[in-house]
């Protein structure tokens, strides 16, 4: 876990513009209850300010054809409505990997990708945690980084990603999938 040990009034976690405070529930338990917001860039009418704002926005890449994914994304869109987060549907016809750190459709289908506001690319469990942080749910991200829980969450994510991809490819067998997914299926299941 990152940060320092928690005492009764300390800030516990500091990571990527995220800080959580610690509240004591009992002498042996603590609960993360508050987080500091990520700084939002102020955009004016100039091109450079707009470009800087676009670069400082977290980008969550998701599969718009995945029902489970869409349920979570729709909830997160509501939660993050006033935060600098851009939700990017990789199944959209205009999706271009070069605009998103070179992350291709195939790469994004195999595992979750989030491009942090700092430009760093996060994958798998780290991507989920960065997505939660960007949406203002840093306490949830921190909860999944507790030793033991982090390992379990990461393993569960890998299993879910494999299952989700196989279900998507199976949809193509019944003929109900996008052109992009058909091409991916041909590549992965010749």
C-alpha atoms as a PDB file:
ATOM      1  CA  UNK A   1       0.000   0.000   0.000  1.00  0.00           C
ATOM      2  CA  UNK A   2       1.264   3.480  -0.687  1.00  0.00           C
ATOM      3  CA  UNK A   3       1.402   6.285   1.858  1.00  0.00           C
ATOM      4  CA  UNK A   4       2.197   6.194   5.555  1.00  0.00           C
ATOM      5  CA  UNK A   5       0.745   4.544   8.594  1.00  0.00           C
ATOM      6  CA  UNK A   6      -2.478   6.094   9.755  1.00  0.00           C
ATOM      7  CA  UNK A   7      -2.672   7.875  13.069  1.00  0.00           C
ATOM      8  CA  UNK A   8      -5.829   9.425  14.483  1.00  0.00           C
ATOM      9  CA  UNK A   9      -5.641  12.635  12.430  1.00  0.00           C
ATOM     10  CA  UNK A  10      -3.316  12.009   9.521  1.00  0.00           C
ATOM     11  CA  UNK A  11      -3.809  12.007   5.804  1.00  0.00           C
ATOM     12  CA  UNK A  12      -3.184   8.401   4.881  1.00  0.00           C
ATOM     13  CA  UNK A  13      -2.877   8.147   1.123  1.00  0.00           C
ATOM     14  CA  UNK A  14      -1.263  10.441  -1.389  1.00  0.00           C
ATOM     15  CA  UNK A  15      -1.148   9.233  -4.976  1.00  0.00           C
ATOM     16  CA  UNK A  16      -1.846  10.855  -8.354  1.00  0.00           C
ATOM     17  CA  UNK A  17      -3.682  13.880  -6.967  1.00  0.00           C
ATOM     18  CA  UNK A  18      -5.679  11.682  -4.618  1.00  0.00           C
ATOM     19  CA  UNK A  19      -5.664  11.840  -0.851  1.00  0.00           C
ATOM     20  CA  UNK A  20      -7.862   9.962   1.574  1.00  0.00           C
ATOM     21  CA  UNK A  21      -8.263  10.734   5.217  1.00  0.00           C
ATOM     22  CA  UNK A  22      -8.556   8.116   7.851  1.00  0.00           C
ATOM     23  CA  UNK A  23     -11.289   7.909  10.487  1.00  0.00           C
ATOM     24  CA  UNK A  24     -10.973   5.536  13.384  1.00  0.00           C
ATOM     25  CA  UNK A  25     -13.874   3.202  13.897  1.00  0.00           C
ATOM     26  CA  UNK A  26     -12.267   1.304  16.776  1.00  0.00           C
ATOM     27  CA  UNK A  27      -8.765   0.785  18.083  1.00  0.00           C
ATOM     28  CA  UNK A  28      -8.031  -1.870  15.464  1.00  0.00           C
ATOM     29  CA  UNK A  29     -10.096  -0.741  12.458  1.00  0.00           C
ATOM     30  CA  UNK A  30     -10.021   2.329  10.275  1.00  0.00           C
ATOM     31  CA  UNK A  31     -12.265   3.554   7.487  1.00  0.00           C
ATOM     32  CA  UNK A  32     -11.401   5.781   4.538  1.00  0.00           C
ATOM     33  CA  UNK A  33     -14.039   8.456   4.373  1.00  0.00           C
ATOM     34  CA  UNK A  34     -12.957  11.467   2.386  1.00  0.00           C
ATOM     35  CA  UNK A  35     -10.895  12.321  -0.614  1.00  0.00           C
ATOM     36  CA  UNK A  36      -9.508  15.493  -2.015  1.00  0.00           C
ATOM     37  CA  UNK A  37     -10.719  16.323  -5.514  1.00  0.00           C
ATOM     38  CA  UNK A  38      -8.443  16.238  -8.514  1.00  0.00           C
ATOM     39  CA  UNK A  39      -7.575  19.714  -9.698  1.00  0.00           C
ATOM     40  CA  UNK A  40      -9.573  20.723 -12.775  1.00  0.00           C
ATOM     41  CA  UNK A  41      -7.840  22.799 -15.405  1.00  0.00           C
ATOM     42  CA  UNK A  42      -9.595  26.019 -16.297  1.00  0.00           C
ATOM     43  CA  UNK A  43     -10.161  26.278 -20.040  1.00  0.00           C
ATOM     44  CA  UNK A  44     -10.633  29.591 -21.798  1.00  0.00           C
ATOM     45  CA  UNK A  45     -11.212  30.309 -25.465  1.00  0.00           C
ATOM     46  CA  UNK A  46      -7.586  29.851 -26.512  1.00  0.00           C
ATOM     47  CA  UNK A  47      -6.512  26.750 -28.407  1.00  0.00           C
ATOM     48  CA  UNK A  48      -3.600  26.007 -26.071  1.00  0.00           C
ATOM     49  CA  UNK A  49      -5.860  26.048 -23.012  1.00  0.00           C
ATOM     50  CA  UNK A  50      -8.327  23.695 -24.721  1.00  0.00           C
ATOM     51  CA  UNK A  51      -5.480  21.373 -25.722  1.00  0.00           C
ATOM     52  CA  UNK A  52      -4.070  21.430 -22.184  1.00  0.00           C
ATOM     53  CA  UNK A  53      -7.527  20.614 -20.795  1.00  0.00           C
ATOM     54  CA  UNK A  54      -7.925  17.710 -23.245  1.00  0.00           C
ATOM     55  CA  UNK A  55      -4.538  16.342 -22.221  1.00  0.00           C
ATOM     56  CA  UNK A  56      -5.372  16.530 -18.490  1.00  0.00           C
ATOM     57  CA  UNK A  57      -8.605  14.578 -18.772  1.00  0.00           C
ATOM     58  CA  UNK A  58      -8.648  10.913 -17.795  1.00  0.00           C
ATOM     59  CA  UNK A  59      -9.850   8.725 -20.659  1.00  0.00           C
ATOM     60  CA  UNK A  60     -11.738   5.531 -19.874  1.00  0.00           C
ATOM     61  CA  UNK A  61     -11.835   3.151 -22.839  1.00  0.00           C
ATOM     62  CA  UNK A  62     -14.808   0.801 -22.766  1.00  0.00           C
ATOM     63  CA  UNK A  63     -16.669  -1.717 -24.926  1.00  0.00           C
ATOM     64  CA  UNK A  64     -20.000  -0.144 -25.846  1.00  0.00           C
ATOM     65  CA  UNK A  65     -21.352  -3.556 -26.952  1.00  0.00           C
ATOM     66  CA  UNK A  66     -20.829  -5.137 -23.526  1.00  0.00           C
ATOM     67  CA  UNK A  67     -24.003  -4.979 -21.416  1.00  0.00           C
ATOM     68  CA  UNK A  68     -22.198  -5.387 -18.077  1.00  0.00           C
ATOM     69  CA  UNK A  69     -19.634  -2.763 -19.064  1.00  0.00           C
ATOM     70  CA  UNK A  70     -22.350  -0.324 -20.122  1.00  0.00           C
ATOM     71  CA  UNK A  71     -24.193  -0.646 -16.815  1.00  0.00           C
ATOM     72  CA  UNK A  72     -21.078   0.340 -14.892  1.00  0.00           C
ATOM     73  CA  UNK A  73     -20.095   3.081 -17.353  1.00  0.00           C
ATOM     74  CA  UNK A  74     -23.559   4.649 -17.186  1.00  0.00           C
ATOM     75  CA  UNK A  75     -23.363   4.763 -13.387  1.00  0.00           C
ATOM     76  CA  UNK A  76     -19.849   6.219 -13.514  1.00  0.00           C
ATOM     77  CA  UNK A  77     -20.913   8.860 -16.034  1.00  0.00           C
ATOM     78  CA  UNK A  78     -23.523  10.090 -13.568  1.00  0.00           C
ATOM     79  CA  UNK A  79     -21.077   9.987 -10.633  1.00  0.00           C
ATOM     80  CA  UNK A  80     -18.361  11.794 -12.621  1.00  0.00           C
ATOM     81  CA  UNK A  81     -20.603  14.309 -14.367  1.00  0.00           C
ATOM     82  CA  UNK A  82     -18.565  17.262 -13.073  1.00  0.00           C
ATOM     83  CA  UNK A  83     -15.136  15.661 -13.261  1.00  0.00           C
ATOM     84  CA  UNK A  84     -12.581  15.710 -16.067  1.00  0.00           C
ATOM     85  CA  UNK A  85     -13.284  12.218 -17.417  1.00  0.00           C
ATOM     86  CA  UNK A  86     -13.798  11.249 -21.043  1.00  0.00           C
ATOM     87  CA  UNK A  87     -15.562   7.920 -21.623  1.00  0.00           C
ATOM     88  CA  UNK A  88     -14.461   6.525 -24.992  1.00  0.00           C
ATOM     89  CA  UNK A  89     -16.403   3.750 -26.729  1.00  0.00           C
ATOM     90  CA  UNK A  90     -13.860   1.602 -28.564  1.00  0.00           C
ATOM     91  CA  UNK A  91     -16.642   0.130 -30.721  1.00  0.00           C
ATOM     92  CA  UNK A  92     -17.542   3.524 -32.200  1.00  0.00           C
ATOM     93  CA  UNK A  93     -16.795   3.726 -35.943  1.00  0.00           C
ATOM     94  CA  UNK A  94     -14.580   6.783 -35.420  1.00  0.00           C
ATOM     95  CA  UNK A  95     -12.367   5.253 -32.718  1.00  0.00           C
ATOM     96  CA  UNK A  96      -8.712   5.768 -33.690  1.00  0.00           C
ATOM     97  CA  UNK A  97      -5.930   4.172 -31.676  1.00  0.00           C
ATOM     98  CA  UNK A  98      -3.454   6.963 -32.457  1.00  0.00           C
ATOM     99  CA  UNK A  99      -5.653   9.415 -30.508  1.00  0.00           C
ATOM    100  CA  UNK A 100      -5.524   7.162 -27.443  1.00  0.00           C
ATOM    101  CA  UNK A 101      -1.871   6.318 -26.815  1.00  0.00           C
ATOM    102  CA  UNK A 102      -1.852   3.709 -29.595  1.00  0.00           C
ATOM    103  CA  UNK A 103      -4.334   1.451 -27.798  1.00  0.00           C
ATOM    104  CA  UNK A 104      -5.930  -0.614 -30.541  1.00  0.00           C
ATOM    105  CA  UNK A 105      -9.419  -2.087 -30.496  1.00  0.00           C
ATOM    106  CA  UNK A 106      -7.898  -5.549 -29.986  1.00  0.00           C
ATOM    107  CA  UNK A 107      -5.779  -4.393 -27.034  1.00  0.00           C
ATOM    108  CA  UNK A 108      -8.772  -2.686 -25.427  1.00  0.00           C
ATOM    109  CA  UNK A 109     -10.973  -5.743 -25.931  1.00  0.00           C
ATOM    110  CA  UNK A 110      -8.458  -7.998 -24.202  1.00  0.00           C
ATOM    111  CA  UNK A 111      -8.132  -5.861 -21.079  1.00  0.00           C
ATOM    112  CA  UNK A 112      -9.327  -2.601 -19.561  1.00  0.00           C
ATOM    113  CA  UNK A 113      -7.352   0.536 -20.426  1.00  0.00           C
ATOM    114  CA  UNK A 114      -7.519   3.948 -18.798  1.00  0.00           C
ATOM    115  CA  UNK A 115      -5.316   6.851 -19.800  1.00  0.00           C
ATOM    116  CA  UNK A 116      -4.805   8.878 -16.663  1.00  0.00           C
ATOM    117  CA  UNK A 117      -4.970  12.665 -16.577  1.00  0.00           C
ATOM    118  CA  UNK A 118      -1.162  12.510 -16.371  1.00  0.00           C
ATOM    119  CA  UNK A 119      -1.005  10.600 -19.688  1.00  0.00           C
ATOM    120  CA  UNK A 120       0.043   7.287 -18.107  1.00  0.00           C
ATOM    121  CA  UNK A 121      -1.705   4.177 -19.471  1.00  0.00           C
ATOM    122  CA  UNK A 122      -3.209   1.881 -16.838  1.00  0.00           C
ATOM    123  CA  UNK A 123      -4.361  -1.674 -17.575  1.00  0.00           C
ATOM    124  CA  UNK A 124      -6.271  -4.435 -15.821  1.00  0.00           C
ATOM    125  CA  UNK A 125      -6.932  -3.881 -12.090  1.00  0.00           C
ATOM    126  CA  UNK A 126      -4.858  -0.705 -12.085  1.00  0.00           C
ATOM    127  CA  UNK A 127      -7.121   0.649 -14.842  1.00  0.00           C
ATOM    128  CA  UNK A 128     -10.216  -0.055 -12.758  1.00  0.00           C
ATOM    129  CA  UNK A 129      -8.676   1.731  -9.772  1.00  0.00           C
ATOM    130  CA  UNK A 130      -7.632   4.734 -11.903  1.00  0.00           C
ATOM    131  CA  UNK A 131     -11.126   4.872 -13.412  1.00  0.00           C
ATOM    132  CA  UNK A 132     -12.636   5.004  -9.913  1.00  0.00           C
ATOM    133  CA  UNK A 133     -10.170   7.703  -8.831  1.00  0.00           C
ATOM    134  CA  UNK A 134     -10.931   9.801 -11.915  1.00  0.00           C
ATOM    135  CA  UNK A 135     -14.668   9.501 -11.213  1.00  0.00           C
ATOM    136  CA  UNK A 136     -14.299  10.641  -7.607  1.00  0.00           C
ATOM    137  CA  UNK A 137     -14.457   7.183  -6.062  1.00  0.00           C
ATOM    138  CA  UNK A 138     -10.909   7.120  -4.755  1.00  0.00           C
ATOM    139  CA  UNK A 139     -12.073   5.491  -1.533  1.00  0.00           C
ATOM    140  CA  UNK A 140     -13.217   2.485  -3.567  1.00  0.00           C
ATOM    141  CA  UNK A 141      -9.896   2.328  -5.405  1.00  0.00           C
ATOM    142  CA  UNK A 142      -8.043   2.504  -2.066  1.00  0.00           C
ATOM    143  CA  UNK A 143     -10.179  -0.309  -0.647  1.00  0.00           C
ATOM    144  CA  UNK A 144      -9.070  -2.589  -3.491  1.00  0.00           C
ATOM    145  CA  UNK A 145      -5.413  -1.906  -2.705  1.00  0.00           C
ATOM    146  CA  UNK A 146      -5.421  -3.360   0.782  1.00  0.00           C
ATOM    147  CA  UNK A 147      -2.831  -6.168   0.872  1.00  0.00           C
ATOM    148  CA  UNK A 148      -4.503  -9.473   0.041  1.00  0.00           C
ATOM    149  CA  UNK A 149      -7.587  -7.803  -1.377  1.00  0.00           C
ATOM    150  CA  UNK A 150      -5.523  -6.224  -4.170  1.00  0.00           C
ATOM    151  CA  UNK A 151      -4.201  -9.602  -5.307  1.00  0.00           C
ATOM    152  CA  UNK A 152      -7.689 -11.134  -5.225  1.00  0.00           C
ATOM    153  CA  UNK A 153      -9.187  -8.184  -7.141  1.00  0.00           C
ATOM    154  CA  UNK A 154      -6.469  -8.370  -9.776  1.00  0.00           C
ATOM    155  CA  UNK A 155      -6.988 -12.117 -10.270  1.00  0.00           C
ATOM    156  CA  UNK A 156     -10.762 -11.700 -10.460  1.00  0.00           C
ATOM    157  CA  UNK A 157     -10.351  -8.936 -13.041  1.00  0.00           C
ATOM    158  CA  UNK A 158      -8.171 -11.153 -15.283  1.00  0.00           C
ATOM    159  CA  UNK A 159     -10.776 -13.952 -15.109  1.00  0.00           C
ATOM    160  CA  UNK A 160     -13.597 -11.508 -15.869  1.00  0.00           C
ATOM    161  CA  UNK A 161     -11.693  -9.999 -18.838  1.00  0.00           C
ATOM    162  CA  UNK A 162     -11.090 -13.453 -20.332  1.00  0.00           C
ATOM    163  CA  UNK A 163     -14.743 -14.421 -19.811  1.00  0.00           C
ATOM    164  CA  UNK A 164     -16.026 -11.113 -21.248  1.00  0.00           C
ATOM    165  CA  UNK A 165     -13.889 -11.439 -24.381  1.00  0.00           C
ATOM    166  CA  UNK A 166     -14.991 -15.050 -24.947  1.00  0.00           C
ATOM    167  CA  UNK A 167     -18.667 -14.073 -24.541  1.00  0.00           C
ATOM    168  CA  UNK A 168     -18.198 -11.249 -27.043  1.00  0.00           C
ATOM    169  CA  UNK A 169     -16.546 -13.603 -29.538  1.00  0.00           C
ATOM    170  CA  UNK A 170     -19.324 -16.157 -28.984  1.00  0.00           C
ATOM    171  CA  UNK A 171     -21.881 -13.476 -29.939  1.00  0.00           C
ATOM    172  CA  UNK A 172     -20.283 -13.476 -33.377  1.00  0.00           C
ATOM    173  CA  UNK A 173     -21.128 -17.165 -33.767  1.00  0.00           C
ATOM    174  CA  UNK A 174     -24.787 -16.190 -33.689  1.00  0.00           C
ATOM    175  CA  UNK A 175     -24.126 -13.361 -36.146  1.00  0.00           C
ATOM    176  CA  UNK A 176     -24.892 -10.497 -33.765  1.00  0.00           C
ATOM    177  CA  UNK A 177     -21.671  -8.531 -33.539  1.00  0.00           C
ATOM    178  CA  UNK A 178     -19.981  -5.502 -35.053  1.00  0.00           C
ATOM    179  CA  UNK A 179     -17.603  -5.497 -37.998  1.00  0.00           C
ATOM    180  CA  UNK A 180     -14.690  -4.758 -35.644  1.00  0.00           C
ATOM    181  CA  UNK A 181     -15.549  -7.741 -33.455  1.00  0.00           C
ATOM    182  CA  UNK A 182     -15.939  -9.991 -36.521  1.00  0.00           C
ATOM    183  CA  UNK A 183     -12.415  -9.078 -37.611  1.00  0.00           C
ATOM    184  CA  UNK A 184     -11.084  -9.730 -34.106  1.00  0.00           C
ATOM    185  CA  UNK A 185     -12.865 -13.091 -33.999  1.00  0.00           C
ATOM    186  CA  UNK A 186     -11.319 -14.086 -37.336  1.00  0.00           C
ATOM    187  CA  UNK A 187      -7.916 -13.170 -35.965  1.00  0.00           C
ATOM    188  CA  UNK A 188      -8.297 -14.977 -32.610  1.00  0.00           C
ATOM    189  CA  UNK A 189     -10.400 -17.937 -33.786  1.00  0.00           C
ATOM    190  CA  UNK A 190      -9.311 -18.783 -37.340  1.00  0.00           C
END
